[in-house]
Structures are given as structure tokens and as C-alpha cells.
PDB file of N, CA and C in Angstrom:
ATOM      1  N   MET A   1       0.880  -1.391  -0.051  1.00  0.00           N
ATOM      2  CA  MET A   1      -0.193   0.029   0.184  1.00  0.00           C
ATOM      3  C   MET A   1       0.856   1.106  -0.181  1.00  0.00           C
ATOM      4  N   ILE A   2       0.462   2.333  -0.788  1.00  0.00           N
ATOM      5  CA  ILE A   2       1.208   3.510  -0.959  1.00  0.00           C
ATOM      6  C   ILE A   2       0.824   4.514   0.221  1.00  0.00           C
ATOM      7  N   ASN A   3       1.619   5.418   0.762  1.00  0.00           N
ATOM      8  CA  ASN A   3       1.264   6.388   1.866  1.00  0.00           C
ATOM      9  C   ASN A   3       0.927   7.503   0.995  1.00  0.00           C
ATOM     10  N   LEU A   4       0.162   8.635   1.768  1.00  0.00           N
ATOM     11  CA  LEU A   4      -0.003   9.646   1.163  1.00  0.00           C
ATOM     12  C   LEU A   4       0.894  10.433   0.333  1.00  0.00           C
ATOM     13  N   SER A   5       2.250  10.429   0.988  1.00  0.00           N
ATOM     14  CA  SER A   5       3.485  11.388   0.968  1.00  0.00           C
ATOM     15  C   SER A   5       4.028  10.959  -0.604  1.00  0.00           C
ATOM     16  N   GLU A   6       3.128   9.564  -1.114  1.00  0.00           N
ATOM     17  CA  GLU A   6       3.787   8.846  -2.592  1.00  0.00           C
ATOM     18  C   GLU A   6       2.956   8.986  -3.310  1.00  0.00           C
ATOM     19  N   LYS A   7       1.525   9.438  -2.963  1.00  0.00           N
ATOM     20  CA  LYS A   7       0.451   9.544  -4.009  1.00  0.00           C
ATOM     21  C   LYS A   7       0.401  11.053  -4.670  1.00  0.00           C
ATOM     22  N   PRO A   8       0.474  11.263  -6.187  1.00  0.00           N
ATOM     23  CA  PRO A   8       0.554  12.650  -6.623  1.00  0.00           C
ATOM     24  C   PRO A   8      -1.068  12.891  -6.712  1.00  0.00           C
ATOM     25  N   SER A   9      -1.100  14.227  -6.633  1.00  0.00           N
ATOM     26  CA  SER A   9      -2.624  14.813  -7.141  1.00  0.00           C
ATOM     27  C   SER A   9      -2.903  14.302  -8.663  1.00  0.00           C
ATOM     28  N   LEU A  10      -4.358  14.441  -8.761  1.00  0.00           N
ATOM     29  CA  LEU A  10      -4.578  14.360 -10.124  1.00  0.00           C
ATOM     30  C   LEU A  10      -5.463  14.897 -10.733  1.00  0.00           C
ATOM     31  N   GLU A  11      -5.834  15.187 -11.957  1.00  0.00           N
ATOM     32  CA  GLU A  11      -6.848  16.072 -12.678  1.00  0.00           C
ATOM     33  C   GLU A  11      -7.594  15.100 -13.595  1.00  0.00           C
ATOM     34  N   PHE A  12      -8.760  15.817 -13.816  1.00  0.00           N
ATOM     35  CA  PHE A  12      -9.673  15.475 -14.713  1.00  0.00           C
ATOM     36  C   PHE A  12      -9.824  16.513 -15.851  1.00  0.00           C
ATOM     37  N   ARG A  13      -9.258  16.322 -16.933  1.00  0.00           N
ATOM     38  CA  ARG A  13      -9.350  17.320 -18.108  1.00  0.00           C
ATOM     39  C   ARG A  13     -10.414  17.057 -18.862  1.00  0.00           C
ATOM     40  N   ARG A  14     -11.756  17.773 -19.234  1.00  0.00           N
ATOM     41  CA  ARG A  14     -12.687  17.153 -19.945  1.00  0.00           C
ATOM     42  C   ARG A  14     -12.364  17.880 -21.488  1.00  0.00           C
ATOM     43  N   ARG A  15     -12.619  16.716 -22.334  1.00  0.00           N
ATOM     44  CA  ARG A  15     -11.935  16.885 -23.614  1.00  0.00           C
ATOM     45  C   ARG A  15     -13.079  18.031 -24.339  1.00  0.00           C
ATOM     46  N   ASN A  16     -12.414  18.866 -25.068  1.00  0.00           N
ATOM     47  CA  ASN A  16     -12.970  19.723 -26.103  1.00  0.00           C
ATOM     48  C   ASN A  16     -13.570  21.031 -25.182  1.00  0.00           C
ATOM     49  N   GLU A  17     -13.155  21.114 -24.009  1.00  0.00           N
ATOM     50  CA  GLU A  17     -13.471  22.321 -22.858  1.00  0.00           C
ATOM     51  C   GLU A  17     -12.385  22.552 -22.137  1.00  0.00           C
ATOM     52  N   SER A  18     -12.389  23.661 -21.379  1.00  0.00           N
ATOM     53  CA  SER A  18     -11.328  23.750 -20.479  1.00  0.00           C
ATOM     54  C   SER A  18     -11.632  23.419 -19.011  1.00  0.00           C
ATOM     55  N   SER A  19     -12.726  22.780 -18.759  1.00  0.00           N
ATOM     56  CA  SER A  19     -12.990  22.352 -17.364  1.00  0.00           C
ATOM     57  C   SER A  19     -11.964  21.318 -16.853  1.00  0.00           C
ATOM     58  N   THR A  20     -11.444  21.586 -15.714  1.00  0.00           N
ATOM     59  CA  THR A  20     -10.709  20.726 -15.122  1.00  0.00           C
ATOM     60  C   THR A  20     -11.165  20.466 -13.641  1.00  0.00           C
ATOM     61  N   TYR A  21     -10.857  19.286 -13.043  1.00  0.00           N
ATOM     62  CA  TYR A  21     -11.070  18.853 -11.655  1.00  0.00           C
ATOM     63  C   TYR A  21     -10.096  18.309 -10.901  1.00  0.00           C
ATOM     64  N   ARG A  22      -9.618  19.017  -9.911  1.00  0.00           N
ATOM     65  CA  ARG A  22      -8.398  18.325  -9.190  1.00  0.00           C
ATOM     66  C   ARG A  22      -8.806  17.555  -8.025  1.00  0.00           C
ATOM     67  N   TYR A  23      -8.059  16.461  -7.885  1.00  0.00           N
ATOM     68  CA  TYR A  23      -8.387  15.618  -6.827  1.00  0.00           C
ATOM     69  C   TYR A  23      -6.906  15.272  -6.023  1.00  0.00           C
ATOM     70  N   HIS A  24      -7.314  15.412  -4.542  1.00  0.00           N
ATOM     71  CA  HIS A  24      -5.765  15.373  -3.920  1.00  0.00           C
ATOM     72  C   HIS A  24      -6.112  14.052  -2.810  1.00  0.00           C
ATOM     73  N   PRO A  25      -4.748  13.531  -2.702  1.00  0.00           N
ATOM     74  CA  PRO A  25      -4.782  12.016  -1.783  1.00  0.00           C
ATOM     75  C   PRO A  25      -5.485  12.723  -0.529  1.00  0.00           C
ATOM     76  N   CYS A  26      -6.333  11.361  -0.099  1.00  0.00           N
ATOM     77  CA  CYS A  26      -6.815  11.571   1.206  1.00  0.00           C
ATOM     78  C   CYS A  26      -6.658  10.088   1.902  1.00  0.00           C
ATOM     79  N   ASP A  27      -7.323  10.104   2.814  1.00  0.00           N
ATOM     80  CA  ASP A  27      -7.108   9.057   3.874  1.00  0.00           C
ATOM     81  C   ASP A  27      -7.816   7.718   3.053  1.00  0.00           C
ATOM     82  N   PRO A  28      -7.402   6.506   3.210  1.00  0.00           N
ATOM     83  CA  PRO A  28      -7.931   5.167   2.443  1.00  0.00           C
ATOM     84  C   PRO A  28      -9.364   5.293   2.525  1.00  0.00           C
ATOM     85  N   ILE A  29     -10.064   4.633   1.669  1.00  0.00           N
ATOM     86  CA  ILE A  29     -11.558   4.501   1.739  1.00  0.00           C
ATOM     87  C   ILE A  29     -11.600   3.049   1.664  1.00  0.00           C
ATOM     88  N   ASN A  30     -12.338   2.150   2.504  1.00  0.00           N
ATOM     89  CA  ASN A  30     -12.413   0.670   2.108  1.00  0.00           C
ATOM     90  C   ASN A  30     -11.244  -0.100   2.117  1.00  0.00           C
ATOM     91  N   GLY A  31      -9.930   0.616   2.792  1.00  0.00           N
ATOM     92  CA  GLY A  31      -8.581  -0.244   2.811  1.00  0.00           C
ATOM     93  C   GLY A  31      -7.758   0.143   1.572  1.00  0.00           C
ATOM     94  N   PHE A  32      -8.309   0.948   0.528  1.00  0.00           N
ATOM     95  CA  PHE A  32      -7.679   1.079  -0.574  1.00  0.00           C
ATOM     96  C   PHE A  32      -7.191   2.786  -0.417  1.00  0.00           C
ATOM     97  N   PRO A  33      -5.931   3.159  -1.408  1.00  0.00           N
ATOM     98  CA  PRO A  33      -5.904   4.497  -1.715  1.00  0.00           C
ATOM     99  C   PRO A  33      -7.052   5.276  -2.171  1.00  0.00           C
ATOM    100  N   ALA A  34      -7.169   6.341  -1.965  1.00  0.00           N
ATOM    101  CA  ALA A  34      -8.411   7.268  -2.095  1.00  0.00           C
ATOM    102  C   ALA A  34      -7.830   8.861  -2.536  1.00  0.00           C
ATOM    103  N   TRP A  35      -8.599   9.587  -3.476  1.00  0.00           N
ATOM    104  CA  TRP A  35      -8.394  10.839  -3.876  1.00  0.00           C
ATOM    105  C   TRP A  35      -9.754  11.736  -3.703  1.00  0.00           C
ATOM    106  N   LYS A  36      -9.828  12.679  -3.218  1.00  0.00           N
ATOM    107  CA  LYS A  36     -10.729  13.712  -2.946  1.00  0.00           C
ATOM    108  C   LYS A  36     -10.773  14.935  -3.896  1.00  0.00           C
ATOM    109  N   ARG A  37     -11.809  15.273  -4.398  1.00  0.00           N
ATOM    110  CA  ARG A  37     -11.909  16.340  -5.329  1.00  0.00           C
ATOM    111  C   ARG A  37     -11.828  17.579  -4.509  1.00  0.00           C
ATOM    112  N   GLU A  38     -11.042  18.713  -4.883  1.00  0.00           N
ATOM    113  CA  GLU A  38     -10.881  19.904  -3.979  1.00  0.00           C
ATOM    114  C   GLU A  38     -11.964  20.570  -3.850  1.00  0.00           C
ATOM    115  N   ASN A  39     -13.236  20.708  -4.601  1.00  0.00           N
ATOM    116  CA  ASN A  39     -14.181  21.524  -4.418  1.00  0.00           C
ATOM    117  C   ASN A  39     -15.598  21.010  -4.544  1.00  0.00           C
ATOM    118  N   ALA A  40     -15.441  19.385  -4.140  1.00  0.00           N
ATOM    119  CA  ALA A  40     -16.666  18.845  -4.075  1.00  0.00           C
ATOM    120  C   ALA A  40     -16.605  17.676  -3.262  1.00  0.00           C
ATOM    121  N   ASP A  41     -17.745  17.003  -2.917  1.00  0.00           N
ATOM    122  CA  ASP A  41     -17.414  15.817  -1.950  1.00  0.00           C
ATOM    123  C   ASP A  41     -17.568  14.482  -3.166  1.00  0.00           C
ATOM    124  N   LEU A  42     -16.508  14.587  -3.837  1.00  0.00           N
ATOM    125  CA  LEU A  42     -16.500  13.395  -4.765  1.00  0.00           C
ATOM    126  C   LEU A  42     -15.194  12.699  -4.529  1.00  0.00           C
ATOM    127  N   HIS A  43     -15.025  11.264  -4.435  1.00  0.00           N
ATOM    128  CA  HIS A  43     -13.780  10.657  -4.676  1.00  0.00           C
ATOM    129  C   HIS A  43     -13.420   9.619  -5.441  1.00  0.00           C
ATOM    130  N   VAL A  44     -12.199   9.545  -5.904  1.00  0.00           N
ATOM    131  CA  VAL A  44     -11.797   8.517  -6.708  1.00  0.00           C
ATOM    132  C   VAL A  44     -11.325   7.253  -5.813  1.00  0.00           C
ATOM    133  N   ILE A  45     -12.120   6.067  -6.137  1.00  0.00           N
ATOM    134  CA  ILE A  45     -11.861   5.018  -5.106  1.00  0.00           C
ATOM    135  C   ILE A  45     -11.747   3.720  -5.840  1.00  0.00           C
ATOM    136  N   GLN A  46     -11.266   2.451  -5.069  1.00  0.00           N
ATOM    137  CA  GLN A  46     -11.801   1.255  -5.639  1.00  0.00           C
ATOM    138  C   GLN A  46     -13.038   0.747  -5.128  1.00  0.00           C
ATOM    139  N   LEU A  47     -14.238   0.308  -5.908  1.00  0.00           N
ATOM    140  CA  LEU A  47     -15.288  -0.221  -5.585  1.00  0.00           C
ATOM    141  C   LEU A  47     -15.285  -1.630  -5.997  1.00  0.00           C
ATOM    142  N   GLU A  48     -15.909  -2.487  -5.091  1.00  0.00           N
ATOM    143  CA  GLU A  48     -15.500  -3.766  -5.373  1.00  0.00           C
ATOM    144  C   GLU A  48     -16.776  -4.081  -6.551  1.00  0.00           C
ATOM    145  N   GLY A  49     -16.100  -4.702  -7.384  1.00  0.00           N
ATOM    146  CA  GLY A  49     -16.832  -5.267  -8.757  1.00  0.00           C
ATOM    147  C   GLY A  49     -16.704  -4.314  -9.907  1.00  0.00           C
ATOM    148  N   PHE A  50     -16.158  -2.926  -9.674  1.00  0.00           N
ATOM    149  CA  PHE A  50     -15.856  -1.980 -10.641  1.00  0.00           C
ATOM    150  C   PHE A  50     -14.608  -1.462 -10.785  1.00  0.00           C
ATOM    151  N   GLY A  51     -13.699  -1.718  -9.737  1.00  0.00           N
ATOM    152  CA  GLY A  51     -12.495  -1.415  -9.953  1.00  0.00           C
ATOM    153  C   GLY A  51     -12.521   0.072  -9.494  1.00  0.00           C
ATOM    154  N   TRP A  52     -11.479   1.037 -10.133  1.00  0.00           N
ATOM    155  CA  TRP A  52     -11.499   2.415  -9.899  1.00  0.00           C
ATOM    156  C   TRP A  52     -12.439   3.239 -10.600  1.00  0.00           C
ATOM    157  N   VAL A  53     -13.003   3.905  -9.674  1.00  0.00           N
ATOM    158  CA  VAL A  53     -14.397   4.852 -10.035  1.00  0.00           C
ATOM    159  C   VAL A  53     -14.409   6.212  -9.512  1.00  0.00           C
ATOM    160  N   CYS A  54     -14.986   7.127  -9.813  1.00  0.00           N
ATOM    161  CA  CYS A  54     -15.456   8.332  -9.035  1.00  0.00           C
ATOM    162  C   CYS A  54     -16.878   8.207  -8.556  1.00  0.00           C
ATOM    163  N   VAL A  55     -16.985   8.526  -7.210  1.00  0.00           N
ATOM    164  CA  VAL A  55     -18.341   8.295  -6.494  1.00  0.00           C
ATOM    165  C   VAL A  55     -18.331   9.246  -5.577  1.00  0.00           C
ATOM    166  N   ASP A  56     -19.835   9.630  -5.225  1.00  0.00           N
ATOM    167  CA  ASP A  56     -20.118  10.589  -4.321  1.00  0.00           C
ATOM    168  C   ASP A  56     -20.054   9.610  -2.819  1.00  0.00           C
ATOM    169  N   ASN A  57     -20.658  10.619  -1.984  1.00  0.00           N
ATOM    170  CA  ASN A  57     -20.665  10.008  -0.624  1.00  0.00           C
ATOM    171  C   ASN A  57     -21.727   8.873  -0.207  1.00  0.00           C
ATOM    172  N   GLN A  58     -22.694   8.453  -1.277  1.00  0.00           N
ATOM    173  CA  GLN A  58     -23.092   7.404  -1.284  1.00  0.00           C
ATOM    174  C   GLN A  58     -22.957   6.231  -2.286  1.00  0.00           C
ATOM    175  N   ASN A  59     -21.692   6.291  -2.710  1.00  0.00           N
ATOM    176  CA  ASN A  59     -21.387   5.269  -3.536  1.00  0.00           C
ATOM    177  C   ASN A  59     -21.816   5.284  -4.841  1.00  0.00           C
ATOM    178  N   GLN A  60     -22.687   6.336  -5.111  1.00  0.00           N
ATOM    179  CA  GLN A  60     -23.113   6.292  -6.807  1.00  0.00           C
ATOM    180  C   GLN A  60     -22.114   6.698  -7.563  1.00  0.00           C
ATOM    181  N   ILE A  61     -21.759   6.006  -8.677  1.00  0.00           N
ATOM    182  CA  ILE A  61     -20.912   6.361  -9.650  1.00  0.00           C
ATOM    183  C   ILE A  61     -21.009   7.344 -10.582  1.00  0.00           C
ATOM    184  N   HIS A  62     -19.976   8.124 -10.618  1.00  0.00           N
ATOM    185  CA  HIS A  62     -19.897   9.400 -11.474  1.00  0.00           C
ATOM    186  C   HIS A  62     -19.178   9.089 -12.587  1.00  0.00           C
ATOM    187  N   ALA A  63     -18.127   8.593 -12.516  1.00  0.00           N
ATOM    188  CA  ALA A  63     -17.197   8.338 -13.611  1.00  0.00           C
ATOM    189  C   ALA A  63     -16.509   6.996 -13.627  1.00  0.00           C
ATOM    190  N   ILE A  64     -16.294   6.460 -14.647  1.00  0.00           N
ATOM    191  CA  ILE A  64     -15.304   5.282 -14.776  1.00  0.00           C
ATOM    192  C   ILE A  64     -14.221   5.471 -15.813  1.00  0.00           C
ATOM    193  N   PRO A  65     -13.244   4.560 -15.644  1.00  0.00           N
ATOM    194  CA  PRO A  65     -12.406   4.612 -16.816  1.00  0.00           C
ATOM    195  C   PRO A  65     -12.798   3.688 -18.086  1.00  0.00           C
ATOM    196  N   TRP A  66     -12.474   4.402 -19.166  1.00  0.00           N
ATOM    197  CA  TRP A  66     -13.101   3.624 -20.631  1.00  0.00           C
ATOM    198  C   TRP A  66     -12.020   2.385 -20.886  1.00  0.00           C
ATOM    199  N   GLY A  67     -12.730   1.406 -20.999  1.00  0.00           N
ATOM    200  CA  GLY A  67     -11.987   0.402 -21.737  1.00  0.00           C
ATOM    201  C   GLY A  67     -10.839  -0.149 -21.015  1.00  0.00           C
ATOM    202  N   VAL A  68     -10.824   0.020 -19.646  1.00  0.00           N
ATOM    203  CA  VAL A  68      -9.760  -0.794 -18.985  1.00  0.00           C
ATOM    204  C   VAL A  68     -10.427  -1.925 -18.000  1.00  0.00           C
ATOM    205  N   PRO A  69     -10.015  -3.362 -18.304  1.00  0.00           N
ATOM    206  CA  PRO A  69     -10.579  -4.103 -17.589  1.00  0.00           C
ATOM    207  C   PRO A  69      -9.991  -4.241 -16.060  1.00  0.00           C
ATOM    208  N   THR A  70     -10.984  -4.610 -15.028  1.00  0.00           N
ATOM    209  CA  THR A  70     -10.484  -4.313 -13.602  1.00  0.00           C
ATOM    210  C   THR A  70      -9.526  -5.266 -13.451  1.00  0.00           C
ATOM    211  N   THR A  71      -9.172  -6.563 -14.291  1.00  0.00           N
ATOM    212  CA  THR A  71      -8.056  -7.328 -14.121  1.00  0.00           C
ATOM    213  C   THR A  71      -6.735  -6.673 -14.736  1.00  0.00           C
ATOM    214  N   LEU A  72      -6.810  -5.595 -15.145  1.00  0.00           N
ATOM    215  CA  LEU A  72      -5.613  -4.690 -15.676  1.00  0.00           C
ATOM    216  C   LEU A  72      -5.309  -3.377 -14.988  1.00  0.00           C
ATOM    217  N   MET A  73      -6.242  -3.112 -13.927  1.00  0.00           N
ATOM    218  CA  MET A  73      -6.201  -2.139 -13.058  1.00  0.00           C
ATOM    219  C   MET A  73      -5.036  -2.268 -11.969  1.00  0.00           C
ATOM    220  N   ASN A  74      -4.270  -1.171 -11.270  1.00  0.00           N
ATOM    221  CA  ASN A  74      -3.484  -1.630 -10.276  1.00  0.00           C
ATOM    222  C   ASN A  74      -3.705  -0.601  -9.134  1.00  0.00           C
ATOM    223  N   GLU A  75      -2.687  -0.274  -8.230  1.00  0.00           N
ATOM    224  CA  GLU A  75      -3.148   0.348  -7.141  1.00  0.00           C
ATOM    225  C   GLU A  75      -3.389   1.893  -7.151  1.00  0.00           C
ATOM    226  N   ARG A  76      -3.273   2.250  -8.381  1.00  0.00           N
ATOM    227  CA  ARG A  76      -3.516   3.849  -8.726  1.00  0.00           C
ATOM    228  C   ARG A  76      -4.658   3.757  -9.942  1.00  0.00           C
ATOM    229  N   PRO A  77      -5.509   4.587  -9.784  1.00  0.00           N
ATOM    230  CA  PRO A  77      -6.629   5.009 -11.044  1.00  0.00           C
ATOM    231  C   PRO A  77      -5.639   4.942 -12.308  1.00  0.00           C
ATOM    232  N   PRO A  78      -6.213   4.367 -13.438  1.00  0.00           N
ATOM    233  CA  PRO A  78      -5.710   4.434 -14.544  1.00  0.00           C
ATOM    234  C   PRO A  78      -5.824   6.089 -15.231  1.00  0.00           C
ATOM    235  N   ALA A  79      -4.605   6.219 -15.758  1.00  0.00           N
ATOM    236  CA  ALA A  79      -4.340   7.568 -16.350  1.00  0.00           C
ATOM    237  C   ALA A  79      -5.113   7.312 -17.767  1.00  0.00           C
ATOM    238  N   GLY A  80      -5.582   8.458 -18.402  1.00  0.00           N
ATOM    239  CA  GLY A  80      -6.062   8.326 -19.676  1.00  0.00           C
ATOM    240  C   GLY A  80      -7.871   8.536 -19.734  1.00  0.00           C
ATOM    241  N   GLU A  81      -8.149   7.789 -20.519  1.00  0.00           N
ATOM    242  CA  GLU A  81      -9.739   7.991 -21.018  1.00  0.00           C
ATOM    243  C   GLU A  81     -10.861   7.734 -19.671  1.00  0.00           C
ATOM    244  N   TRP A  82     -11.669   8.705 -19.364  1.00  0.00           N
ATOM    245  CA  TRP A  82     -12.457   8.298 -18.172  1.00  0.00           C
ATOM    246  C   TRP A  82     -13.908   8.931 -18.928  1.00  0.00           C
ATOM    247  N   VAL A  83     -14.856   8.321 -18.519  1.00  0.00           N
ATOM    248  CA  VAL A  83     -16.365   8.834 -18.821  1.00  0.00           C
ATOM    249  C   VAL A  83     -17.041   9.112 -17.761  1.00  0.00           C
ATOM    250  N   SER A  84     -17.729  10.400 -17.719  1.00  0.00           N
ATOM    251  CA  SER A  84     -18.737  10.464 -16.614  1.00  0.00           C
ATOM    252  C   SER A  84     -20.030  10.397 -17.056  1.00  0.00           C
ATOM    253  N   LYS A  85     -21.195  10.550 -16.149  1.00  0.00           N
ATOM    254  CA  LYS A  85     -22.313  10.571 -16.516  1.00  0.00           C
ATOM    255  C   LYS A  85     -23.207  11.345 -15.443  1.00  0.00           C
ATOM    256  N   LYS A  86     -24.017  12.481 -15.825  1.00  0.00           N
ATOM    257  CA  LYS A  86     -24.534  13.521 -14.957  1.00  0.00           C
ATOM    258  C   LYS A  86     -25.959  13.464 -15.620  1.00  0.00           C
ATOM    259  N   GLY A  87     -26.989  12.831 -15.111  1.00  0.00           N
ATOM    260  CA  GLY A  87     -28.095  12.661 -15.523  1.00  0.00           C
ATOM    261  C   GLY A  87     -28.230  12.161 -16.912  1.00  0.00           C
ATOM    262  N   ASP A  88     -28.859  12.822 -17.985  1.00  0.00           N
ATOM    263  CA  ASP A  88     -28.936  12.143 -19.281  1.00  0.00           C
ATOM    264  C   ASP A  88     -27.502  12.648 -20.328  1.00  0.00           C
ATOM    265  N   ILE A  89     -26.473  13.325 -19.517  1.00  0.00           N
ATOM    266  CA  ILE A  89     -25.445  13.871 -20.071  1.00  0.00           C
ATOM    267  C   ILE A  89     -24.355  13.009 -19.637  1.00  0.00           C
ATOM    268  N   SER A  90     -23.375  12.897 -20.692  1.00  0.00           N
ATOM    269  CA  SER A  90     -22.022  12.159 -20.467  1.00  0.00           C
ATOM    270  C   SER A  90     -20.914  13.136 -21.062  1.00  0.00           C
ATOM    271  N   TYR A  91     -19.628  13.143 -20.187  1.00  0.00           N
ATOM    272  CA  TYR A  91     -18.464  13.789 -20.615  1.00  0.00           C
ATOM    273  C   TYR A  91     -17.259  12.992 -20.668  1.00  0.00           C
ATOM    274  N   VAL A  92     -16.423  13.045 -21.599  1.00  0.00           N
ATOM    275  CA  VAL A  92     -15.168  12.377 -21.587  1.00  0.00           C
ATOM    276  C   VAL A  92     -14.146  13.291 -20.957  1.00  0.00           C
ATOM    277  N   TYR A  93     -13.286  12.477 -20.146  1.00  0.00           N
ATOM    278  CA  TYR A  93     -12.026  13.355 -19.511  1.00  0.00           C
ATOM    279  C   TYR A  93     -10.835  12.718 -19.931  1.00  0.00           C
ATOM    280  N   ASP A  94      -9.694  13.328 -19.670  1.00  0.00           N
ATOM    281  CA  ASP A  94      -8.525  12.495 -19.526  1.00  0.00           C
ATOM    282  C   ASP A  94      -8.065  12.674 -17.781  1.00  0.00           C
ATOM    283  N   LEU A  95      -7.769  11.618 -17.192  1.00  0.00           N
ATOM    284  CA  LEU A  95      -7.188  11.589 -15.996  1.00  0.00           C
ATOM    285  C   LEU A  95      -5.784  11.891 -16.289  1.00  0.00           C
ATOM    286  N   VAL A  96      -5.067  12.840 -15.567  1.00  0.00           N
ATOM    287  CA  VAL A  96      -3.727  12.966 -15.671  1.00  0.00           C
ATOM    288  C   VAL A  96      -3.368  13.233 -14.321  1.00  0.00           C
ATOM    289  N   TYR A  97      -2.242  12.649 -13.993  1.00  0.00           N
ATOM    290  CA  TYR A  97      -1.466  12.842 -12.755  1.00  0.00           C
ATOM    291  C   TYR A  97      -0.465  14.093 -12.805  1.00  0.00           C
ATOM    292  N   LEU A  98      -0.538  14.834 -11.677  1.00  0.00           N
ATOM    293  CA  LEU A  98       0.450  15.977 -11.678  1.00  0.00           C
ATOM    294  C   LEU A  98       1.438  15.916 -11.025  1.00  0.00           C
TER     295      LEU A  98
END
């Protein structure tokens, strides 16, 4: 398990727009590393059966990595393409480590 000082912050950068959302390392959730969004109660965590996801406080999934099987996920959320869903709208993001 990695400690907080070894975990970089990360950003979700929305494609085709200038929107970015920054997440910082926080205390583990469910025994796994976690990141918290700096301006909202959203976390990037490992959720049983789904692997790495972005969730709210009720564990409702808001974003998932696109095309990455859980068997290929490791101790950090996968960099690259993620897709979010908010109501009837979806967005594509790039997860980038800072």
C-alpha cells in the first residue's frame, strides 16, 4: 500500500473544453488509496466489482475509466480516458497525474 506522501494529485480534464477538476490524496477508503475532489464531495476509489471509479458519498458512480478491464487495474487509478454521467449527459475526460 502506498502512503499519502507517495501519491500524486490528479486532474480530470474535460475534452473539447477547458474544465478541469483536481483531486488530492486523502485517507484510504475501504482499505484502499483514495483521492478527494478539492471543490466537491466526490472521491476516486476502488469499488468492489467495478475497480477504480469516481463516486459521491453514497457510492453512486459518477465516472469510470473507459475500456480498462478491472483485471488490468493496479494500485492507482488508470491515467487516460474516463467517462462521466450526469443525468442524461455524459462527458469524456483525461485523467492526468500532476
